[in-house]
């Protein structure tokens, strides 16, 4: 297979695309769409988000140290895109998009009611890394939509049609190819 050599860059695709909600000290809510996010640790449960310092959300995150990661779906992809291109300086994104801010249990930042999964987070470390600053956060609580639970209380996120981001485009996750460990399981 022939390959082209490119300059160094981030080619780890697809990425989860999430809407991160927060509230400032005056109680104003905001949402920023982020694809630079990920799992960091299982025990304690930790995640990270990376934000450019010039973004409206950056000083809010720096000041409060709290946010909620809200997973996106086919139904939320328009809102996710809008929250990634419009600044909270200009518009109340919850109102403009008809999204429901729900009270979180452990942080002041609101949950997005329409999201199937909301992850309450508290920043434990901030790391300036160049173009972005990474907020390393401990997961304080997780909320999962009951409509995606089956009779055995198993969660089925695939029914929400989660969205990923790749090279400037959004894609709905599709066909299941296997489960963890299927390649070594006895038949």
N, C-alpha and C. Protein backbone atom coordinates (compact mmCIF):
# COMPACT_ATOMS: atom_id res chain seq x y z
N UNK A 1 0.84 -1.18 0.00
CA UNK A 1 0.00 0.00 0.00
C UNK A 1 0.89 1.25 0.00
N UNK A 2 0.65 2.15 -0.90
CA UNK A 2 1.42 3.38 -1.02
C UNK A 2 0.81 4.43 -0.09
N UNK A 3 1.67 5.16 0.62
CA UNK A 3 1.22 6.19 1.56
C UNK A 3 1.87 7.52 1.21
N UNK A 4 1.13 8.62 1.44
CA UNK A 4 1.67 9.96 1.32
C UNK A 4 2.20 10.40 2.66
N UNK A 5 3.30 11.14 2.67
CA UNK A 5 3.84 11.70 3.89
C UNK A 5 3.28 13.10 4.08
N UNK A 6 2.64 13.35 5.21
CA UNK A 6 2.06 14.66 5.53
C UNK A 6 2.82 15.28 6.69
N UNK A 7 2.65 16.58 6.87
CA UNK A 7 3.23 17.26 8.03
C UNK A 7 2.55 16.73 9.30
N UNK A 8 3.19 16.87 10.47
CA UNK A 8 2.56 16.40 11.70
C UNK A 8 1.21 17.08 11.93
N UNK A 9 0.26 16.31 12.39
CA UNK A 9 -1.06 16.84 12.66
C UNK A 9 -1.90 15.82 13.40
N UNK A 10 -3.05 16.25 13.85
CA UNK A 10 -3.96 15.35 14.57
C UNK A 10 -4.83 14.62 13.57
N UNK A 11 -4.58 13.36 13.39
CA UNK A 11 -5.35 12.55 12.45
C UNK A 11 -6.05 11.40 13.18
N UNK A 12 -6.29 11.57 14.44
CA UNK A 12 -6.98 10.55 15.23
C UNK A 12 -8.48 10.76 15.05
N UNK A 13 -9.04 10.10 14.05
CA UNK A 13 -10.46 10.27 13.70
C UNK A 13 -11.13 8.92 13.63
N UNK A 14 -12.45 8.81 13.83
CA UNK A 14 -13.36 9.88 14.22
C UNK A 14 -13.22 10.21 15.70
N UNK A 15 -13.79 11.33 16.07
CA UNK A 15 -13.77 11.80 17.45
C UNK A 15 -15.19 11.90 17.98
N UNK A 16 -15.36 11.72 19.29
CA UNK A 16 -16.69 12.01 19.83
C UNK A 16 -16.93 13.51 19.70
N UNK A 17 -18.13 13.90 19.42
CA UNK A 17 -18.48 15.32 19.41
C UNK A 17 -19.48 15.52 20.55
N UNK A 18 -19.11 16.37 21.49
CA UNK A 18 -19.93 16.57 22.68
C UNK A 18 -20.27 18.04 22.85
N UNK A 19 -21.36 18.27 23.53
CA UNK A 19 -21.71 19.64 23.91
C UNK A 19 -21.39 19.77 25.40
N UNK A 20 -20.53 20.71 25.71
CA UNK A 20 -20.11 20.94 27.09
C UNK A 20 -20.88 22.14 27.62
N UNK A 21 -21.64 21.91 28.67
CA UNK A 21 -22.42 22.99 29.28
C UNK A 21 -21.74 23.47 30.55
N UNK A 22 -21.97 24.75 30.83
CA UNK A 22 -21.37 25.38 32.00
C UNK A 22 -22.23 26.56 32.40
N UNK A 23 -21.95 27.09 33.57
CA UNK A 23 -22.62 28.32 34.00
C UNK A 23 -21.58 29.20 34.67
N UNK A 24 -21.67 30.51 34.44
CA UNK A 24 -20.71 31.42 35.06
C UNK A 24 -21.20 31.80 36.46
N UNK A 25 -20.43 32.59 37.16
CA UNK A 25 -20.75 32.97 38.55
C UNK A 25 -22.02 33.82 38.65
N UNK A 26 -22.44 34.41 37.53
CA UNK A 26 -23.67 35.20 37.52
C UNK A 26 -24.89 34.35 37.14
N UNK A 27 -24.68 33.04 36.91
CA UNK A 27 -25.77 32.14 36.60
C UNK A 27 -26.13 32.07 35.12
N UNK A 28 -25.29 32.63 34.24
CA UNK A 28 -25.53 32.56 32.79
C UNK A 28 -24.99 31.25 32.25
N UNK A 29 -25.85 30.49 31.59
CA UNK A 29 -25.47 29.20 31.02
C UNK A 29 -24.84 29.39 29.65
N UNK A 30 -23.97 28.46 29.29
CA UNK A 30 -23.38 28.45 27.95
C UNK A 30 -23.13 27.01 27.54
N UNK A 31 -23.03 26.82 26.24
CA UNK A 31 -22.70 25.50 25.67
C UNK A 31 -21.62 25.70 24.63
N UNK A 32 -20.60 24.87 24.67
CA UNK A 32 -19.54 24.86 23.65
C UNK A 32 -19.46 23.44 23.09
N UNK A 33 -19.32 23.32 21.80
CA UNK A 33 -19.15 22.00 21.19
C UNK A 33 -17.66 21.70 21.12
N UNK A 34 -17.32 20.49 21.52
CA UNK A 34 -15.91 20.09 21.59
C UNK A 34 -15.74 18.70 21.00
N UNK A 35 -14.72 18.54 20.16
CA UNK A 35 -14.34 17.22 19.69
C UNK A 35 -13.03 16.78 20.35
N UNK A 36 -12.32 17.72 20.95
CA UNK A 36 -11.08 17.40 21.66
C UNK A 36 -11.43 16.99 23.09
N UNK A 37 -11.89 15.76 23.23
CA UNK A 37 -12.32 15.25 24.53
C UNK A 37 -12.03 13.77 24.62
N UNK A 38 -11.93 13.25 25.82
CA UNK A 38 -11.70 11.82 25.93
C UNK A 38 -11.64 11.31 27.35
N UNK A 39 -11.64 10.00 27.43
CA UNK A 39 -11.50 9.29 28.69
C UNK A 39 -10.04 9.32 29.09
N UNK A 40 -9.78 9.53 30.37
CA UNK A 40 -8.41 9.59 30.86
C UNK A 40 -8.11 8.44 31.80
N UNK A 41 -9.07 8.11 32.68
CA UNK A 41 -8.81 7.14 33.73
C UNK A 41 -10.12 6.51 34.18
N UNK A 42 -10.05 5.25 34.61
CA UNK A 42 -11.22 4.55 35.12
C UNK A 42 -11.42 4.77 36.61
N UNK A 43 -10.32 4.67 37.38
CA UNK A 43 -10.42 4.77 38.82
C UNK A 43 -9.34 5.69 39.36
N UNK A 44 -9.65 6.93 39.71
CA UNK A 44 -10.98 7.51 39.70
C UNK A 44 -11.41 7.84 38.27
N UNK A 45 -12.72 7.89 38.02
CA UNK A 45 -13.17 8.21 36.67
C UNK A 45 -12.80 9.65 36.32
N UNK A 46 -12.06 9.80 35.21
CA UNK A 46 -11.60 11.12 34.79
C UNK A 46 -11.73 11.26 33.27
N UNK A 47 -11.95 12.49 32.85
CA UNK A 47 -12.07 12.83 31.43
C UNK A 47 -11.26 14.11 31.19
N UNK A 48 -11.13 14.46 29.92
CA UNK A 48 -10.49 15.73 29.59
C UNK A 48 -11.25 16.41 28.47
N UNK A 49 -11.17 17.73 28.46
CA UNK A 49 -11.62 18.52 27.32
C UNK A 49 -10.51 19.53 27.04
N UNK A 50 -10.37 19.91 25.79
CA UNK A 50 -9.38 20.92 25.43
C UNK A 50 -10.08 22.08 24.75
N UNK A 51 -9.74 23.29 25.20
CA UNK A 51 -10.42 24.51 24.75
C UNK A 51 -9.37 25.57 24.42
N UNK A 52 -9.61 26.29 23.34
CA UNK A 52 -8.73 27.41 22.99
C UNK A 52 -8.97 28.57 23.97
N UNK A 53 -7.90 29.20 24.46
CA UNK A 53 -8.06 30.30 25.42
C UNK A 53 -8.89 31.48 24.90
N UNK A 54 -8.98 31.68 23.59
CA UNK A 54 -9.76 32.81 23.07
C UNK A 54 -11.26 32.54 23.03
N UNK A 55 -11.67 31.32 23.32
CA UNK A 55 -13.10 30.99 23.31
C UNK A 55 -13.80 31.62 24.51
N UNK A 56 -15.05 32.01 24.32
CA UNK A 56 -15.87 32.61 25.38
C UNK A 56 -15.96 31.69 26.60
N UNK A 57 -16.00 30.40 26.38
CA UNK A 57 -16.16 29.42 27.46
C UNK A 57 -14.91 29.29 28.33
N UNK A 58 -13.76 29.61 27.78
CA UNK A 58 -12.49 29.38 28.49
C UNK A 58 -12.44 30.05 29.87
N UNK A 59 -12.70 31.35 29.99
CA UNK A 59 -12.63 31.95 31.33
C UNK A 59 -13.69 31.42 32.29
N UNK A 60 -14.82 31.00 31.75
CA UNK A 60 -15.86 30.41 32.61
C UNK A 60 -15.33 29.11 33.21
N UNK A 61 -14.74 28.28 32.38
CA UNK A 61 -14.16 27.02 32.86
C UNK A 61 -13.04 27.28 33.85
N UNK A 62 -12.19 28.26 33.55
CA UNK A 62 -11.08 28.61 34.45
C UNK A 62 -11.61 29.06 35.81
N UNK A 63 -12.66 29.88 35.79
CA UNK A 63 -13.19 30.46 37.01
C UNK A 63 -13.96 29.46 37.86
N UNK A 64 -14.85 28.69 37.23
CA UNK A 64 -15.73 27.80 38.00
C UNK A 64 -15.15 26.42 38.22
N UNK A 65 -14.36 25.93 37.25
CA UNK A 65 -13.79 24.58 37.38
C UNK A 65 -14.82 23.48 37.29
N UNK A 66 -15.97 23.78 36.66
CA UNK A 66 -17.05 22.79 36.54
C UNK A 66 -17.63 22.81 35.14
N UNK A 67 -18.06 21.64 34.69
CA UNK A 67 -18.75 21.55 33.40
C UNK A 67 -19.48 20.22 33.33
N UNK A 68 -20.34 20.10 32.32
CA UNK A 68 -21.05 18.85 32.05
C UNK A 68 -20.79 18.48 30.60
N UNK A 69 -20.35 17.25 30.37
CA UNK A 69 -20.21 16.72 29.02
C UNK A 69 -21.55 16.07 28.67
N UNK A 70 -22.14 16.52 27.56
CA UNK A 70 -23.43 16.02 27.09
C UNK A 70 -23.21 15.32 25.76
N UNK A 71 -23.50 14.03 25.68
CA UNK A 71 -23.31 13.31 24.42
C UNK A 71 -24.31 13.79 23.38
N UNK A 72 -23.89 13.77 22.13
CA UNK A 72 -24.74 14.24 21.04
C UNK A 72 -25.28 13.06 20.24
N UNK A 73 -26.38 13.34 19.55
CA UNK A 73 -27.10 12.32 18.80
C UNK A 73 -27.52 12.89 17.44
N UNK A 74 -28.10 12.04 16.64
CA UNK A 74 -28.65 12.50 15.35
C UNK A 74 -29.58 13.70 15.57
N UNK A 75 -30.44 13.62 16.59
CA UNK A 75 -31.40 14.69 16.85
C UNK A 75 -30.72 15.98 17.34
N UNK A 76 -29.52 15.86 17.89
CA UNK A 76 -28.82 17.02 18.45
C UNK A 76 -27.72 17.55 17.54
N UNK A 77 -27.50 16.97 16.37
CA UNK A 77 -26.35 17.36 15.55
C UNK A 77 -26.44 18.82 15.10
N UNK A 78 -27.63 19.32 14.78
CA UNK A 78 -27.77 20.74 14.41
C UNK A 78 -27.35 21.62 15.59
N UNK A 79 -27.85 21.29 16.78
CA UNK A 79 -27.50 22.07 17.97
C UNK A 79 -26.00 21.98 18.25
N UNK A 80 -25.42 20.81 18.07
CA UNK A 80 -23.98 20.65 18.30
C UNK A 80 -23.19 21.54 17.36
N UNK A 81 -23.57 21.55 16.08
CA UNK A 81 -22.86 22.40 15.13
C UNK A 81 -23.03 23.87 15.50
N UNK A 82 -24.26 24.28 15.79
CA UNK A 82 -24.55 25.67 16.14
C UNK A 82 -23.72 26.11 17.35
N UNK A 83 -23.66 25.26 18.37
CA UNK A 83 -22.93 25.61 19.60
C UNK A 83 -21.42 25.64 19.36
N UNK A 84 -20.97 25.07 18.25
CA UNK A 84 -19.55 25.11 17.91
C UNK A 84 -19.16 26.32 17.08
N UNK A 85 -20.14 26.95 16.44
CA UNK A 85 -19.80 28.09 15.58
C UNK A 85 -20.34 29.43 16.08
N UNK A 86 -21.30 29.42 16.98
CA UNK A 86 -21.84 30.66 17.55
C UNK A 86 -21.28 30.86 18.95
N UNK A 87 -20.94 32.08 19.26
CA UNK A 87 -20.37 32.39 20.57
C UNK A 87 -21.45 32.69 21.59
N UNK A 88 -21.22 32.24 22.82
CA UNK A 88 -22.12 32.57 23.92
C UNK A 88 -22.09 34.05 24.25
N UNK A 89 -21.11 34.78 23.73
CA UNK A 89 -21.10 36.24 23.89
C UNK A 89 -22.29 36.86 23.17
N UNK A 90 -22.71 36.22 22.08
CA UNK A 90 -23.74 36.77 21.19
C UNK A 90 -25.14 36.23 21.44
N UNK A 91 -25.25 35.00 21.95
CA UNK A 91 -26.56 34.35 22.00
C UNK A 91 -26.65 33.39 23.18
N UNK A 92 -27.86 33.30 23.75
CA UNK A 92 -28.16 32.29 24.76
C UNK A 92 -28.52 31.03 23.98
N UNK A 93 -27.60 30.09 23.94
CA UNK A 93 -27.76 28.90 23.09
C UNK A 93 -28.89 27.99 23.56
N UNK A 94 -29.10 27.88 24.86
CA UNK A 94 -30.21 27.07 25.36
C UNK A 94 -31.53 27.61 24.80
N UNK A 95 -31.74 28.92 24.93
CA UNK A 95 -32.99 29.52 24.46
C UNK A 95 -33.12 29.44 22.94
N UNK A 96 -32.08 29.83 22.24
CA UNK A 96 -32.11 29.87 20.78
C UNK A 96 -32.43 28.50 20.19
N UNK A 97 -31.88 27.43 20.79
CA UNK A 97 -32.04 26.08 20.25
C UNK A 97 -33.18 25.30 20.90
N UNK A 98 -33.85 25.88 21.88
CA UNK A 98 -34.93 25.18 22.56
C UNK A 98 -34.45 23.99 23.38
N UNK A 99 -33.22 24.08 23.89
CA UNK A 99 -32.67 23.01 24.72
C UNK A 99 -33.09 23.22 26.18
N UNK A 100 -33.21 22.12 26.90
CA UNK A 100 -33.69 22.17 28.28
C UNK A 100 -32.52 22.08 29.26
N UNK A 101 -32.26 23.17 30.02
CA UNK A 101 -31.23 23.08 31.06
C UNK A 101 -31.82 22.40 32.30
N UNK A 102 -31.22 21.30 32.70
CA UNK A 102 -31.66 20.59 33.90
C UNK A 102 -30.63 20.77 35.00
N UNK A 103 -31.09 20.80 36.21
CA UNK A 103 -30.20 20.95 37.37
C UNK A 103 -29.34 19.70 37.53
N UNK A 104 -28.06 19.90 37.69
CA UNK A 104 -27.13 18.80 37.96
C UNK A 104 -27.16 18.49 39.45
N UNK A 105 -26.61 17.34 39.82
CA UNK A 105 -26.59 16.94 41.23
C UNK A 105 -25.35 17.41 41.97
N UNK A 106 -24.20 17.47 41.28
CA UNK A 106 -22.93 17.73 41.98
C UNK A 106 -22.21 19.00 41.54
N UNK A 107 -22.59 19.56 40.40
CA UNK A 107 -21.95 20.78 39.92
C UNK A 107 -23.03 21.82 39.59
N UNK A 108 -22.62 23.07 39.44
CA UNK A 108 -23.57 24.14 39.12
C UNK A 108 -23.93 24.17 37.64
N UNK A 109 -23.08 23.63 36.79
CA UNK A 109 -23.35 23.61 35.35
C UNK A 109 -24.60 22.78 35.08
N UNK A 110 -25.42 23.21 34.11
CA UNK A 110 -26.65 22.46 33.81
C UNK A 110 -26.40 21.26 32.90
N UNK A 111 -27.28 20.28 33.01
CA UNK A 111 -27.32 19.18 32.05
C UNK A 111 -28.14 19.66 30.86
N UNK A 112 -27.90 19.10 29.69
CA UNK A 112 -28.78 19.33 28.54
C UNK A 112 -29.78 18.19 28.55
N UNK A 113 -31.04 18.51 28.82
CA UNK A 113 -32.09 17.50 28.99
C UNK A 113 -32.24 16.57 27.80
N UNK A 114 -32.01 17.04 26.59
CA UNK A 114 -32.21 16.24 25.39
C UNK A 114 -31.05 15.27 25.12
N UNK A 115 -29.97 15.39 25.84
CA UNK A 115 -28.83 14.48 25.65
C UNK A 115 -29.08 13.15 26.37
N UNK A 116 -28.70 12.02 25.75
CA UNK A 116 -28.93 10.73 26.38
C UNK A 116 -28.01 10.45 27.57
N UNK A 117 -26.85 11.11 27.60
CA UNK A 117 -25.89 10.92 28.69
C UNK A 117 -25.29 12.27 29.05
N UNK A 118 -25.28 12.56 30.36
CA UNK A 118 -24.69 13.80 30.88
C UNK A 118 -23.65 13.40 31.92
N UNK A 119 -22.46 13.96 31.81
CA UNK A 119 -21.36 13.60 32.70
C UNK A 119 -20.93 14.85 33.46
N UNK A 120 -21.24 14.90 34.75
CA UNK A 120 -20.87 16.04 35.59
C UNK A 120 -19.39 15.96 35.93
N UNK A 121 -18.67 17.07 35.75
CA UNK A 121 -17.21 17.06 35.90
C UNK A 121 -16.72 18.24 36.74
N UNK A 122 -15.66 17.97 37.50
CA UNK A 122 -14.99 19.01 38.28
C UNK A 122 -13.50 18.99 37.91
N UNK A 123 -12.99 20.14 37.49
CA UNK A 123 -11.61 20.26 37.03
C UNK A 123 -10.64 20.00 38.19
N UNK A 124 -9.64 19.15 37.94
CA UNK A 124 -8.60 18.91 38.93
C UNK A 124 -7.26 19.48 38.50
N UNK A 125 -7.11 19.71 37.19
CA UNK A 125 -5.86 20.27 36.69
C UNK A 125 -6.11 20.93 35.34
N UNK A 126 -5.44 22.05 35.13
CA UNK A 126 -5.51 22.76 33.86
C UNK A 126 -4.11 22.79 33.28
N UNK A 127 -3.98 22.39 32.02
CA UNK A 127 -2.67 22.32 31.39
C UNK A 127 -2.63 23.08 30.08
N UNK A 128 -1.95 24.23 30.04
CA UNK A 128 -1.76 24.93 28.77
C UNK A 128 -0.83 24.07 27.89
N UNK A 129 -1.28 23.78 26.67
CA UNK A 129 -0.52 22.86 25.83
C UNK A 129 -0.18 23.43 24.45
N UNK A 130 -0.36 24.70 24.24
CA UNK A 130 -0.14 25.29 22.92
C UNK A 130 -1.40 25.97 22.48
N UNK A 131 -1.97 25.54 21.36
CA UNK A 131 -3.19 26.18 20.85
C UNK A 131 -4.39 25.97 21.78
N UNK A 132 -4.37 24.92 22.57
CA UNK A 132 -5.47 24.58 23.47
C UNK A 132 -4.96 24.43 24.90
N UNK A 133 -5.89 24.56 25.81
CA UNK A 133 -5.62 24.27 27.21
C UNK A 133 -6.47 23.05 27.57
N UNK A 134 -5.85 22.05 28.17
CA UNK A 134 -6.58 20.85 28.55
C UNK A 134 -7.07 20.97 29.99
N UNK A 135 -8.35 20.70 30.16
CA UNK A 135 -8.97 20.66 31.48
C UNK A 135 -9.14 19.19 31.85
N UNK A 136 -8.35 18.73 32.78
CA UNK A 136 -8.44 17.37 33.30
C UNK A 136 -9.46 17.40 34.43
N UNK A 137 -10.45 16.52 34.37
CA UNK A 137 -11.55 16.61 35.33
C UNK A 137 -11.95 15.25 35.89
N UNK A 138 -12.37 15.28 37.13
CA UNK A 138 -12.92 14.10 37.79
C UNK A 138 -14.41 14.04 37.50
N UNK A 139 -14.88 12.86 37.16
CA UNK A 139 -16.31 12.66 36.93
C UNK A 139 -16.99 12.58 38.30
N UNK A 140 -17.95 13.46 38.50
CA UNK A 140 -18.66 13.53 39.78
C UNK A 140 -19.98 12.75 39.75
N UNK A 141 -20.62 12.67 38.58
CA UNK A 141 -21.89 11.95 38.45
C UNK A 141 -22.17 11.74 36.97
N UNK A 142 -22.96 10.71 36.67
CA UNK A 142 -23.38 10.42 35.30
C UNK A 142 -24.90 10.25 35.31
N UNK A 143 -25.55 10.83 34.32
CA UNK A 143 -27.00 10.70 34.15
C UNK A 143 -27.24 10.01 32.82
N UNK A 144 -28.08 8.99 32.82
CA UNK A 144 -28.40 8.24 31.59
C UNK A 144 -29.90 8.23 31.37
N UNK A 145 -30.31 8.52 30.16
CA UNK A 145 -31.73 8.57 29.83
C UNK A 145 -32.41 7.22 29.98
N UNK A 146 -33.47 7.18 30.77
CA UNK A 146 -34.19 5.94 31.01
C UNK A 146 -34.77 5.33 29.74
N UNK A 147 -35.07 6.16 28.74
CA UNK A 147 -35.65 5.64 27.50
C UNK A 147 -34.69 4.74 26.73
N UNK A 148 -33.42 4.73 27.14
CA UNK A 148 -32.43 3.88 26.47
C UNK A 148 -32.07 2.65 27.30
N UNK A 149 -32.83 2.40 28.36
CA UNK A 149 -32.63 1.21 29.21
C UNK A 149 -33.57 0.11 28.75
N UNK A 150 -33.09 -1.13 28.81
CA UNK A 150 -33.97 -2.25 28.49
C UNK A 150 -34.53 -2.84 29.78
N UNK A 151 -35.27 -3.93 29.68
CA UNK A 151 -35.91 -4.56 30.83
C UNK A 151 -34.94 -5.10 31.86
N UNK A 152 -33.67 -5.30 31.46
CA UNK A 152 -32.65 -5.80 32.39
C UNK A 152 -31.76 -4.66 32.90
N UNK A 153 -32.19 -3.43 32.66
CA UNK A 153 -31.49 -2.22 33.07
C UNK A 153 -30.13 -2.07 32.37
N UNK A 154 -30.05 -2.59 31.15
CA UNK A 154 -28.84 -2.39 30.34
C UNK A 154 -29.07 -1.16 29.47
N UNK A 155 -28.05 -0.31 29.39
CA UNK A 155 -28.14 0.94 28.64
C UNK A 155 -27.82 0.69 27.16
N UNK A 156 -28.62 1.24 26.27
CA UNK A 156 -28.45 1.07 24.82
C UNK A 156 -28.26 2.43 24.14
N UNK A 157 -27.05 2.97 24.23
CA UNK A 157 -26.76 4.27 23.63
C UNK A 157 -26.97 4.25 22.12
N UNK A 158 -26.78 3.10 21.49
CA UNK A 158 -26.94 3.02 20.03
C UNK A 158 -28.34 3.43 19.58
N UNK A 159 -29.33 3.27 20.44
CA UNK A 159 -30.70 3.67 20.09
C UNK A 159 -30.83 5.19 19.98
N UNK A 160 -29.92 5.92 20.60
CA UNK A 160 -29.93 7.38 20.52
C UNK A 160 -29.22 7.87 19.26
N UNK A 161 -28.59 6.98 18.53
CA UNK A 161 -27.83 7.31 17.32
C UNK A 161 -26.75 8.36 17.60
N UNK A 162 -25.71 7.96 18.38
CA UNK A 162 -24.64 8.90 18.72
C UNK A 162 -23.89 9.39 17.48
N UNK A 163 -23.33 10.58 17.62
CA UNK A 163 -22.65 11.24 16.51
C UNK A 163 -21.15 11.35 16.79
N UNK A 164 -20.36 11.19 15.74
CA UNK A 164 -18.91 11.41 15.80
C UNK A 164 -18.54 12.46 14.76
N UNK A 165 -17.31 12.95 14.85
CA UNK A 165 -16.82 14.03 13.99
C UNK A 165 -15.55 13.55 13.30
N UNK A 166 -15.44 13.83 12.00
CA UNK A 166 -14.25 13.44 11.26
C UNK A 166 -14.01 14.42 10.11
N UNK A 167 -12.87 15.07 10.14
CA UNK A 167 -12.44 15.96 9.06
C UNK A 167 -13.51 16.97 8.66
N UNK A 168 -14.12 17.63 9.64
CA UNK A 168 -15.10 18.67 9.35
C UNK A 168 -16.51 18.19 9.09
N UNK A 169 -16.79 16.91 9.31
CA UNK A 169 -18.13 16.37 9.05
C UNK A 169 -18.62 15.54 10.24
N UNK A 170 -19.94 15.49 10.38
CA UNK A 170 -20.57 14.71 11.45
C UNK A 170 -21.11 13.41 10.86
N UNK A 171 -20.98 12.32 11.62
CA UNK A 171 -21.47 11.01 11.18
C UNK A 171 -22.22 10.35 12.32
N UNK A 172 -23.29 9.67 11.97
CA UNK A 172 -24.03 8.88 12.96
C UNK A 172 -23.34 7.51 13.05
N UNK A 173 -23.13 7.04 14.27
CA UNK A 173 -22.55 5.71 14.47
C UNK A 173 -23.55 4.67 13.99
N UNK A 174 -23.03 3.59 13.43
CA UNK A 174 -23.93 2.63 12.81
C UNK A 174 -23.82 1.23 13.32
N UNK A 175 -23.47 0.35 12.46
CA UNK A 175 -23.53 -1.09 12.67
C UNK A 175 -22.53 -1.59 13.72
N UNK A 176 -23.01 -2.44 14.62
CA UNK A 176 -22.14 -3.07 15.60
C UNK A 176 -21.35 -4.16 14.90
N UNK A 177 -20.04 -4.17 15.12
CA UNK A 177 -19.17 -5.13 14.47
C UNK A 177 -18.75 -6.29 15.39
N UNK A 178 -18.91 -6.12 16.67
CA UNK A 178 -18.52 -7.13 17.66
C UNK A 178 -18.63 -6.54 19.04
N UNK A 179 -18.23 -7.29 20.04
CA UNK A 179 -18.19 -6.80 21.41
C UNK A 179 -16.80 -7.04 21.96
N UNK A 180 -16.46 -6.36 23.04
CA UNK A 180 -15.12 -6.48 23.61
C UNK A 180 -14.77 -7.94 23.86
N UNK A 181 -13.64 -8.38 23.33
CA UNK A 181 -13.16 -9.74 23.52
C UNK A 181 -13.68 -10.77 22.55
N UNK A 182 -14.54 -10.36 21.59
CA UNK A 182 -15.14 -11.33 20.69
C UNK A 182 -14.09 -12.06 19.83
N UNK A 183 -12.96 -11.44 19.59
CA UNK A 183 -11.95 -12.05 18.73
C UNK A 183 -11.26 -13.25 19.38
N UNK A 184 -11.33 -13.38 20.68
CA UNK A 184 -10.66 -14.48 21.37
C UNK A 184 -11.64 -15.40 22.09
N UNK A 185 -12.92 -15.10 22.00
CA UNK A 185 -13.95 -15.90 22.67
C UNK A 185 -14.10 -17.25 21.99
N UNK A 186 -14.32 -18.28 22.78
CA UNK A 186 -14.59 -19.62 22.21
C UNK A 186 -15.92 -19.61 21.52
N UNK A 187 -15.98 -20.31 20.44
CA UNK A 187 -17.22 -20.35 19.65
C UNK A 187 -18.08 -21.52 20.05
